[in-house]
Amino acid sequence: MSKNSLKKIRESLLMSKAELAKRANISHKTITRIESGMLCRIDTKRKIILALGLKISDKNKVFGENTELSFKDKEDKRLSVDRRIFSYDGHIPEHRSGMERRNGF
Protein backbone atom coordinates (compact mmCIF):
# COMPACT_ATOMS: atom_id res chain seq x y z
CA MET A 1 0.00 0.00 0.00
CA SER A 2 1.24 3.44 -0.84
CA LYS A 3 0.58 6.85 0.61
CA ASN A 4 -1.26 9.35 -1.58
CA SER A 5 -3.07 12.67 -1.20
CA LEU A 6 -6.03 11.91 -3.43
CA LYS A 7 -8.69 12.18 -0.73
CA LYS A 8 -7.27 15.43 0.66
CA ILE A 9 -7.07 17.04 -2.80
CA ARG A 10 -10.51 15.76 -3.83
CA GLU A 11 -12.13 17.10 -0.67
CA SER A 12 -10.31 20.45 -0.98
CA LEU A 13 -11.97 20.81 -4.40
CA LEU A 14 -15.35 19.96 -2.78
CA MET A 15 -15.67 16.99 -5.13
CA SER A 16 -17.44 13.74 -4.25
CA LYS A 17 -16.07 10.32 -5.10
CA ALA A 18 -18.94 9.83 -7.53
CA GLU A 19 -18.20 13.09 -9.33
CA LEU A 20 -14.48 12.30 -9.61
CA ALA A 21 -15.26 8.79 -10.81
CA LYS A 22 -17.61 10.13 -13.47
CA ARG A 23 -15.12 12.76 -14.67
CA ALA A 24 -12.28 10.22 -14.75
CA ASN A 25 -14.46 7.51 -16.34
CA ILE A 26 -13.59 4.96 -13.64
CA SER A 27 -15.65 3.32 -10.88
CA HIS A 28 -16.18 4.90 -7.46
CA LYS A 29 -14.84 1.65 -5.96
CA THR A 30 -11.54 2.33 -7.72
CA ILE A 31 -11.42 5.78 -6.13
CA THR A 32 -12.07 4.22 -2.71
CA ARG A 33 -9.30 1.65 -3.22
CA ILE A 34 -6.78 4.26 -4.31
CA GLU A 35 -7.66 6.58 -1.42
CA SER A 36 -7.11 3.69 0.99
CA GLY A 37 -3.57 3.31 -0.36
CA MET A 38 -3.86 0.53 -2.91
CA LEU A 39 -1.86 0.78 -6.12
CA CYS A 40 -3.39 1.44 -9.52
CA ARG A 41 -2.37 1.51 -13.16
CA ILE A 42 -0.60 4.52 -14.61
CA ASP A 43 -3.52 5.10 -17.01
CA THR A 44 -5.89 5.33 -14.03
CA LYS A 45 -3.56 7.83 -12.36
CA ARG A 46 -3.52 9.92 -15.54
CA LYS A 47 -7.33 9.92 -15.71
CA ILE A 48 -7.63 10.99 -12.07
CA ILE A 49 -5.07 13.78 -12.39
CA LEU A 50 -6.82 15.22 -15.44
CA ALA A 51 -10.27 14.84 -13.83
CA LEU A 52 -9.03 16.87 -10.85
CA GLY A 53 -8.10 19.66 -13.26
CA LEU A 54 -4.39 19.24 -12.62
CA LYS A 55 -1.48 18.87 -15.03
CA ILE A 56 0.32 15.56 -15.53
CA SER A 57 3.41 17.20 -14.03
CA ASP A 58 1.44 17.45 -10.73
CA LYS A 59 1.34 13.66 -10.36
CA ASN A 60 3.70 13.72 -7.38
CA LYS A 61 1.34 16.06 -5.51
CA VAL A 62 -1.41 13.47 -5.76
CA PHE A 63 0.39 10.13 -5.75
CA GLY A 64 3.66 10.90 -3.95
CA GLU A 65 7.29 10.89 -5.02
CA ASN A 66 7.53 7.21 -5.91
CA THR A 67 4.81 7.09 -8.53
CA GLU A 68 5.19 3.70 -10.17
CA LEU A 69 3.19 1.44 -12.40
CA SER A 70 1.61 -1.60 -10.78
CA PHE A 71 1.36 -4.74 -12.89
CA LYS A 72 -1.58 -7.06 -12.41
CA ASP A 73 -0.67 -9.82 -14.85
CA LYS A 74 -2.67 -12.52 -13.09
CA GLU A 75 -5.72 -10.32 -12.48
CA ASP A 76 -5.84 -8.47 -15.79
CA LYS A 77 -8.42 -10.17 -18.00
CA ARG A 78 -7.04 -8.43 -21.09
CA LEU A 79 -3.87 -10.51 -20.74
CA SER A 80 -5.70 -13.84 -20.59
CA VAL A 81 -5.57 -16.28 -23.48
CA ASP A 82 -8.58 -16.44 -25.79
CA ARG A 83 -9.68 -20.03 -25.20
CA ARG A 84 -11.72 -20.12 -28.43
CA ILE A 85 -8.49 -20.44 -30.42
CA PHE A 86 -7.83 -23.84 -28.84
CA SER A 87 -11.11 -25.47 -29.82
CA TYR A 88 -10.40 -29.05 -31.00
CA ASP A 89 -13.25 -29.33 -33.45
CA GLY A 90 -12.57 -26.02 -35.17
CA HIS A 91 -15.86 -24.49 -34.06
CA ILE A 92 -16.10 -21.52 -31.77
CA PRO A 93 -18.23 -22.91 -28.92
CA GLU A 94 -19.78 -19.55 -28.04
CA HIS A 95 -21.28 -19.30 -31.52
CA ARG A 96 -23.04 -22.68 -31.64
CA SER A 97 -26.58 -23.24 -30.51
CA GLY A 98 -27.39 -25.66 -27.69
CA MET A 99 -28.73 -28.23 -30.15
CA GLU A 100 -25.57 -28.02 -32.27
CA ARG A 101 -23.41 -28.63 -29.17
CA ARG A 102 -25.53 -31.64 -28.10
CA ASN A 103 -25.44 -33.17 -31.58
CA GLY A 104 -21.70 -32.62 -31.98
CA PHE A 105 -21.88 -30.07 -34.80
C-alpha atoms as a PDB file:
ATOM      1  CA  MET A   1       0.000   0.000   0.000  1.00  0.00           C
ATOM      2  CA  SER A   2       1.239   3.440  -0.844  1.00  0.00           C
ATOM      3  CA  LYS A   3       0.578   6.851   0.612  1.00  0.00           C
ATOM      4  CA  ASN A   4      -1.262   9.349  -1.584  1.00  0.00           C
ATOM      5  CA  SER A   5      -3.067  12.667  -1.202  1.00  0.00           C
ATOM      6  CA  LEU A   6      -6.027  11.910  -3.431  1.00  0.00           C
ATOM      7  CA  LYS A   7      -8.693  12.175  -0.727  1.00  0.00           C
ATOM      8  CA  LYS A   8      -7.265  15.426   0.663  1.00  0.00           C
ATOM      9  CA  ILE A   9      -7.069  17.037  -2.798  1.00  0.00           C
ATOM     10  CA  ARG A  10     -10.514  15.765  -3.829  1.00  0.00           C
ATOM     11  CA  GLU A  11     -12.127  17.101  -0.670  1.00  0.00           C
ATOM     12  CA  SER A  12     -10.306  20.450  -0.979  1.00  0.00           C
ATOM     13  CA  LEU A  13     -11.965  20.807  -4.403  1.00  0.00           C
ATOM     14  CA  LEU A  14     -15.351  19.958  -2.781  1.00  0.00           C
ATOM     15  CA  MET A  15     -15.675  16.992  -5.127  1.00  0.00           C
ATOM     16  CA  SER A  16     -17.435  13.742  -4.251  1.00  0.00           C
ATOM     17  CA  LYS A  17     -16.071  10.318  -5.100  1.00  0.00           C
ATOM     18  CA  ALA A  18     -18.941   9.828  -7.533  1.00  0.00           C
ATOM     19  CA  GLU A  19     -18.200  13.090  -9.325  1.00  0.00           C
ATOM     20  CA  LEU A  20     -14.483  12.301  -9.610  1.00  0.00           C
ATOM     21  CA  ALA A  21     -15.259   8.792 -10.814  1.00  0.00           C
ATOM     22  CA  LYS A  22     -17.610  10.134 -13.475  1.00  0.00           C
ATOM     23  CA  ARG A  23     -15.119  12.759 -14.669  1.00  0.00           C
ATOM     24  CA  ALA A  24     -12.284  10.220 -14.755  1.00  0.00           C
ATOM     25  CA  ASN A  25     -14.459   7.515 -16.340  1.00  0.00           C
ATOM     26  CA  ILE A  26     -13.588   4.957 -13.637  1.00  0.00           C
ATOM     27  CA  SER A  27     -15.652   3.322 -10.882  1.00  0.00           C
ATOM     28  CA  HIS A  28     -16.176   4.896  -7.464  1.00  0.00           C
ATOM     29  CA  LYS A  29     -14.839   1.651  -5.965  1.00  0.00           C
ATOM     30  CA  THR A  30     -11.540   2.326  -7.719  1.00  0.00           C
ATOM     31  CA  ILE A  31     -11.421   5.781  -6.131  1.00  0.00           C
ATOM     32  CA  THR A  32     -12.066   4.219  -2.705  1.00  0.00           C
ATOM     33  CA  ARG A  33      -9.304   1.646  -3.220  1.00  0.00           C
ATOM     34  CA  ILE A  34      -6.781   4.265  -4.308  1.00  0.00           C
ATOM     35  CA  GLU A  35      -7.663   6.580  -1.418  1.00  0.00           C
ATOM     36  CA  SER A  36      -7.112   3.686   0.994  1.00  0.00           C
ATOM     37  CA  GLY A  37      -3.570   3.314  -0.360  1.00  0.00           C
ATOM     38  CA  MET A  38      -3.862   0.533  -2.910  1.00  0.00           C
ATOM     39  CA  LEU A  39      -1.861   0.779  -6.124  1.00  0.00           C
ATOM     40  CA  CYS A  40      -3.395   1.445  -9.523  1.00  0.00           C
ATOM     41  CA  ARG A  41      -2.371   1.512 -13.158  1.00  0.00           C
ATOM     42  CA  ILE A  42      -0.596   4.518 -14.615  1.00  0.00           C
ATOM     43  CA  ASP A  43      -3.516   5.104 -17.010  1.00  0.00           C
ATOM     44  CA  THR A  44      -5.887   5.332 -14.035  1.00  0.00           C
ATOM     45  CA  LYS A  45      -3.557   7.826 -12.359  1.00  0.00           C
ATOM     46  CA  ARG A  46      -3.523   9.918 -15.536  1.00  0.00           C
ATOM     47  CA  LYS A  47      -7.333   9.923 -15.710  1.00  0.00           C
ATOM     48  CA  ILE A  48      -7.627  10.994 -12.072  1.00  0.00           C
ATOM     49  CA  ILE A  49      -5.072  13.785 -12.387  1.00  0.00           C
ATOM     50  CA  LEU A  50      -6.824  15.218 -15.438  1.00  0.00           C
ATOM     51  CA  ALA A  51     -10.267  14.842 -13.825  1.00  0.00           C
ATOM     52  CA  LEU A  52      -9.035  16.872 -10.848  1.00  0.00           C
ATOM     53  CA  GLY A  53      -8.101  19.660 -13.259  1.00  0.00           C
ATOM     54  CA  LEU A  54      -4.387  19.238 -12.620  1.00  0.00           C
ATOM     55  CA  LYS A  55      -1.477  18.865 -15.025  1.00  0.00           C
ATOM     56  CA  ILE A  56       0.319  15.563 -15.528  1.00  0.00           C
ATOM     57  CA  SER A  57       3.405  17.198 -14.027  1.00  0.00           C
ATOM     58  CA  ASP A  58       1.439  17.455 -10.732  1.00  0.00           C
ATOM     59  CA  LYS A  59       1.339  13.656 -10.362  1.00  0.00           C
ATOM     60  CA  ASN A  60       3.696  13.716  -7.375  1.00  0.00           C
ATOM     61  CA  LYS A  61       1.344  16.060  -5.506  1.00  0.00           C
ATOM     62  CA  VAL A  62      -1.413  13.467  -5.762  1.00  0.00           C
ATOM     63  CA  PHE A  63       0.390  10.126  -5.745  1.00  0.00           C
ATOM     64  CA  GLY A  64       3.664  10.898  -3.949  1.00  0.00           C
ATOM     65  CA  GLU A  65       7.287  10.894  -5.019  1.00  0.00           C
ATOM     66  CA  ASN A  66       7.528   7.208  -5.910  1.00  0.00           C
ATOM     67  CA  THR A  67       4.807   7.088  -8.533  1.00  0.00           C
ATOM     68  CA  GLU A  68       5.195   3.701 -10.165  1.00  0.00           C
ATOM     69  CA  LEU A  69       3.190   1.437 -12.398  1.00  0.00           C
ATOM     70  CA  SER A  70       1.610  -1.605 -10.782  1.00  0.00           C
ATOM     71  CA  PHE A  71       1.357  -4.735 -12.893  1.00  0.00           C
ATOM     72  CA  LYS A  72      -1.579  -7.058 -12.409  1.00  0.00           C
ATOM     73  CA  ASP A  73      -0.667  -9.823 -14.848  1.00  0.00           C
ATOM     74  CA  LYS A  74      -2.667 -12.517 -13.094  1.00  0.00           C
ATOM     75  CA  GLU A  75      -5.716 -10.322 -12.482  1.00  0.00           C
ATOM     76  CA  ASP A  76      -5.843  -8.465 -15.786  1.00  0.00           C
ATOM     77  CA  LYS A  77      -8.420 -10.169 -17.997  1.00  0.00           C
ATOM     78  CA  ARG A  78      -7.043  -8.427 -21.089  1.00  0.00           C
ATOM     79  CA  LEU A  79      -3.873 -10.512 -20.743  1.00  0.00           C
ATOM     80  CA  SER A  80      -5.701 -13.840 -20.592  1.00  0.00           C
ATOM     81  CA  VAL A  81      -5.574 -16.276 -23.478  1.00  0.00           C
ATOM     82  CA  ASP A  82      -8.576 -16.437 -25.787  1.00  0.00           C
ATOM     83  CA  ARG A  83      -9.684 -20.028 -25.197  1.00  0.00           C
ATOM     84  CA  ARG A  84     -11.720 -20.118 -28.426  1.00  0.00           C
ATOM     85  CA  ILE A  85      -8.486 -20.438 -30.419  1.00  0.00           C
ATOM     86  CA  PHE A  86      -7.829 -23.842 -28.841  1.00  0.00           C
ATOM     87  CA  SER A  87     -11.114 -25.472 -29.822  1.00  0.00           C
ATOM     88  CA  TYR A  88     -10.402 -29.046 -30.996  1.00  0.00           C
ATOM     89  CA  ASP A  89     -13.254 -29.327 -33.452  1.00  0.00           C
ATOM     90  CA  GLY A  90     -12.574 -26.016 -35.171  1.00  0.00           C
ATOM     91  CA  HIS A  91     -15.863 -24.487 -34.065  1.00  0.00           C
ATOM     92  CA  ILE A  92     -16.096 -21.524 -31.770  1.00  0.00           C
ATOM     93  CA  PRO A  93     -18.233 -22.911 -28.915  1.00  0.00           C
ATOM     94  CA  GLU A  94     -19.778 -19.552 -28.036  1.00  0.00           C
ATOM     95  CA  HIS A  95     -21.281 -19.296 -31.515  1.00  0.00           C
ATOM     96  CA  ARG A  96     -23.036 -22.679 -31.643  1.00  0.00           C
ATOM     97  CA  SER A  97     -26.582 -23.240 -30.508  1.00  0.00           C
ATOM     98  CA  GLY A  98     -27.388 -25.659 -27.686  1.00  0.00           C
ATOM     99  CA  MET A  99     -28.729 -28.227 -30.147  1.00  0.00           C
ATOM    100  CA  GLU A 100     -25.572 -28.018 -32.268  1.00  0.00           C
ATOM    101  CA  ARG A 101     -23.413 -28.629 -29.174  1.00  0.00           C
ATOM    102  CA  ARG A 102     -25.528 -31.640 -28.097  1.00  0.00           C
ATOM    103  CA  ASN A 103     -25.439 -33.174 -31.578  1.00  0.00           C
ATOM    104  CA  GLY A 104     -21.704 -32.620 -31.984  1.00  0.00           C
ATOM    105  CA  PHE A 105     -21.877 -30.065 -34.796  1.00  0.00           C
END
